[in-house]
């Protein structure tokens, strides 16, 4: 029974750390870029788009497809950074918690 009590205590601590992590992710912003920095996007830790910055030289009709591709690439770059940040924060939140083999978080 003592082991169960320890597990419950660890679960409560982890829940608290997860809530802190979610709050931190909401206020975190990451920037993704493409085209050598000609296109930049900012996403929150939750993946919400906050800002787009486009170099004026890309603002002509002949560069439309290039601009579209650069926007997609910048978003993918920012999304990868958000996922890396989330993984790092998740590892911090679950540090010291021993989970049974095969069990992964979040559930």
C-alpha atoms as a PDB file:
ATOM      1  CA  UNK A   1       0.000   0.000   0.000  1.00  0.00           C
ATOM      2  CA  UNK A   2       2.916   2.302   0.708  1.00  0.00           C
ATOM      3  CA  UNK A   3       3.983   1.991  -2.934  1.00  0.00           C
ATOM      4  CA  UNK A   4       0.497   3.039  -4.110  1.00  0.00           C
ATOM      5  CA  UNK A   5       0.650   6.120  -1.885  1.00  0.00           C
ATOM      6  CA  UNK A   6       3.973   7.096  -3.425  1.00  0.00           C
ATOM      7  CA  UNK A   7       2.563   6.603  -6.915  1.00  0.00           C
ATOM      8  CA  UNK A   8      -0.419   8.836  -6.120  1.00  0.00           C
ATOM      9  CA  UNK A   9       1.862  11.514  -4.695  1.00  0.00           C
ATOM     10  CA  UNK A  10       4.045  11.367  -7.822  1.00  0.00           C
ATOM     11  CA  UNK A  11       0.955  11.597 -10.044  1.00  0.00           C
ATOM     12  CA  UNK A  12      -0.241  14.710  -8.200  1.00  0.00           C
ATOM     13  CA  UNK A  13       3.187  16.310  -8.525  1.00  0.00           C
ATOM     14  CA  UNK A  14       3.266  15.486 -12.217  1.00  0.00           C
ATOM     15  CA  UNK A  15      -0.219  16.956 -12.718  1.00  0.00           C
ATOM     16  CA  UNK A  16       0.932  20.180 -11.107  1.00  0.00           C
ATOM     17  CA  UNK A  17       4.043  20.289 -13.306  1.00  0.00           C
ATOM     18  CA  UNK A  18       1.913  19.594 -16.399  1.00  0.00           C
ATOM     19  CA  UNK A  19      -0.350  22.550 -15.596  1.00  0.00           C
ATOM     20  CA  UNK A  20       2.702  24.775 -15.159  1.00  0.00           C
ATOM     21  CA  UNK A  21       4.094  23.502 -18.456  1.00  0.00           C
ATOM     22  CA  UNK A  22       0.859  24.268 -20.302  1.00  0.00           C
ATOM     23  CA  UNK A  23       0.796  27.805 -18.914  1.00  0.00           C
ATOM     24  CA  UNK A  24       4.413  28.296 -19.941  1.00  0.00           C
ATOM     25  CA  UNK A  25       3.731  27.009 -23.460  1.00  0.00           C
ATOM     26  CA  UNK A  26       0.858  29.473 -23.870  1.00  0.00           C
ATOM     27  CA  UNK A  27       3.201  32.381 -23.217  1.00  0.00           C
ATOM     28  CA  UNK A  28       6.129  30.967 -25.225  1.00  0.00           C
ATOM     29  CA  UNK A  29       6.615  32.072 -28.825  1.00  0.00           C
ATOM     30  CA  UNK A  30       8.969  30.532 -31.371  1.00  0.00           C
ATOM     31  CA  UNK A  31      10.003  31.841 -34.752  1.00  0.00           C
ATOM     32  CA  UNK A  32      10.367  29.823 -37.897  1.00  0.00           C
ATOM     33  CA  UNK A  33      12.067  31.160 -40.995  1.00  0.00           C
ATOM     34  CA  UNK A  34      12.667  30.227 -44.611  1.00  0.00           C
ATOM     35  CA  UNK A  35      14.322  31.728 -47.652  1.00  0.00           C
ATOM     36  CA  UNK A  36      17.301  32.884 -45.638  1.00  0.00           C
ATOM     37  CA  UNK A  37      15.022  34.793 -43.287  1.00  0.00           C
ATOM     38  CA  UNK A  38      12.958  36.437 -46.015  1.00  0.00           C
ATOM     39  CA  UNK A  39       9.808  34.866 -44.566  1.00  0.00           C
ATOM     40  CA  UNK A  40       9.297  34.489 -40.831  1.00  0.00           C
ATOM     41  CA  UNK A  41       6.363  33.244 -38.785  1.00  0.00           C
ATOM     42  CA  UNK A  42       5.825  33.257 -35.030  1.00  0.00           C
ATOM     43  CA  UNK A  43       3.823  30.537 -33.304  1.00  0.00           C
ATOM     44  CA  UNK A  44       2.857  30.167 -29.682  1.00  0.00           C
ATOM     45  CA  UNK A  45       3.818  27.034 -27.806  1.00  0.00           C
ATOM     46  CA  UNK A  46       0.267  25.845 -28.482  1.00  0.00           C
ATOM     47  CA  UNK A  47       0.746  26.282 -32.243  1.00  0.00           C
ATOM     48  CA  UNK A  48      -1.305  29.459 -32.711  1.00  0.00           C
ATOM     49  CA  UNK A  49       0.003  31.754 -35.459  1.00  0.00           C
ATOM     50  CA  UNK A  50       0.889  35.173 -34.023  1.00  0.00           C
ATOM     51  CA  UNK A  51       2.841  36.994 -36.711  1.00  0.00           C
ATOM     52  CA  UNK A  52       4.008  36.767 -40.315  1.00  0.00           C
ATOM     53  CA  UNK A  53       6.892  38.809 -41.697  1.00  0.00           C
ATOM     54  CA  UNK A  54       7.591  38.912 -45.444  1.00  0.00           C
ATOM     55  CA  UNK A  55      10.522  40.632 -47.116  1.00  0.00           C
ATOM     56  CA  UNK A  56       9.177  43.323 -49.495  1.00  0.00           C
ATOM     57  CA  UNK A  57      11.209  41.895 -52.405  1.00  0.00           C
ATOM     58  CA  UNK A  58       8.830  38.903 -52.455  1.00  0.00           C
ATOM     59  CA  UNK A  59       5.767  41.105 -52.875  1.00  0.00           C
ATOM     60  CA  UNK A  60       5.260  40.873 -56.607  1.00  0.00           C
ATOM     61  CA  UNK A  61       3.031  38.702 -58.734  1.00  0.00           C
ATOM     62  CA  UNK A  62       5.957  36.825 -60.309  1.00  0.00           C
ATOM     63  CA  UNK A  63       7.092  35.568 -56.883  1.00  0.00           C
ATOM     64  CA  UNK A  64       3.675  34.361 -55.708  1.00  0.00           C
ATOM     65  CA  UNK A  65       4.434  30.620 -55.814  1.00  0.00           C
ATOM     66  CA  UNK A  66       7.831  31.150 -54.193  1.00  0.00           C
ATOM     67  CA  UNK A  67       6.190  33.184 -51.431  1.00  0.00           C
ATOM     68  CA  UNK A  68       3.551  30.504 -50.859  1.00  0.00           C
ATOM     69  CA  UNK A  69       6.240  27.809 -50.606  1.00  0.00           C
ATOM     70  CA  UNK A  70       8.327  29.944 -48.248  1.00  0.00           C
ATOM     71  CA  UNK A  71       5.317  30.525 -45.976  1.00  0.00           C
ATOM     72  CA  UNK A  72       4.692  26.789 -45.740  1.00  0.00           C
ATOM     73  CA  UNK A  73       8.386  26.123 -45.050  1.00  0.00           C
ATOM     74  CA  UNK A  74       8.583  28.842 -42.368  1.00  0.00           C
ATOM     75  CA  UNK A  75       5.486  27.445 -40.676  1.00  0.00           C
ATOM     76  CA  UNK A  76       6.954  23.929 -40.735  1.00  0.00           C
ATOM     77  CA  UNK A  77      10.175  25.259 -39.206  1.00  0.00           C
ATOM     78  CA  UNK A  78       8.287  27.010 -36.412  1.00  0.00           C
ATOM     79  CA  UNK A  79       6.089  23.963 -35.805  1.00  0.00           C
ATOM     80  CA  UNK A  80       9.161  21.734 -35.454  1.00  0.00           C
ATOM     81  CA  UNK A  81      10.591  24.160 -32.895  1.00  0.00           C
ATOM     82  CA  UNK A  82       7.293  24.162 -30.962  1.00  0.00           C
ATOM     83  CA  UNK A  83       7.297  20.359 -30.890  1.00  0.00           C
ATOM     84  CA  UNK A  84      10.915  20.300 -29.675  1.00  0.00           C
ATOM     85  CA  UNK A  85      10.041  22.810 -26.947  1.00  0.00           C
ATOM     86  CA  UNK A  86       7.017  20.747 -25.924  1.00  0.00           C
ATOM     87  CA  UNK A  87       9.099  17.558 -25.754  1.00  0.00           C
ATOM     88  CA  UNK A  88      11.705  19.293 -23.613  1.00  0.00           C
ATOM     89  CA  UNK A  89       9.069  20.689 -21.247  1.00  0.00           C
ATOM     90  CA  UNK A  90       7.320  17.302 -21.078  1.00  0.00           C
ATOM     91  CA  UNK A  91      10.573  15.652 -20.073  1.00  0.00           C
ATOM     92  CA  UNK A  92      11.028  18.234 -17.310  1.00  0.00           C
ATOM     93  CA  UNK A  93       7.450  17.721 -16.111  1.00  0.00           C
ATOM     94  CA  UNK A  94       7.784  13.941 -15.910  1.00  0.00           C
ATOM     95  CA  UNK A  95      11.318  13.854 -14.497  1.00  0.00           C
ATOM     96  CA  UNK A  96      11.642  11.345 -11.722  1.00  0.00           C
ATOM     97  CA  UNK A  97       8.321   9.671 -12.451  1.00  0.00           C
ATOM     98  CA  UNK A  98       8.767   5.988 -13.052  1.00  0.00           C
ATOM     99  CA  UNK A  99       6.155   4.761 -15.503  1.00  0.00           C
ATOM    100  CA  UNK A 100       5.465   1.111 -16.258  1.00  0.00           C
ATOM    101  CA  UNK A 101       7.135  -0.158 -19.457  1.00  0.00           C
ATOM    102  CA  UNK A 102       5.247   0.835 -22.599  1.00  0.00           C
ATOM    103  CA  UNK A 103       3.298   3.615 -20.896  1.00  0.00           C
ATOM    104  CA  UNK A 104       3.788   7.016 -22.504  1.00  0.00           C
ATOM    105  CA  UNK A 105       2.627  10.521 -21.706  1.00  0.00           C
ATOM    106  CA  UNK A 106       0.451  12.319 -22.491  1.00  0.00           C
ATOM    107  CA  UNK A 107      -2.164   9.591 -22.292  1.00  0.00           C
END
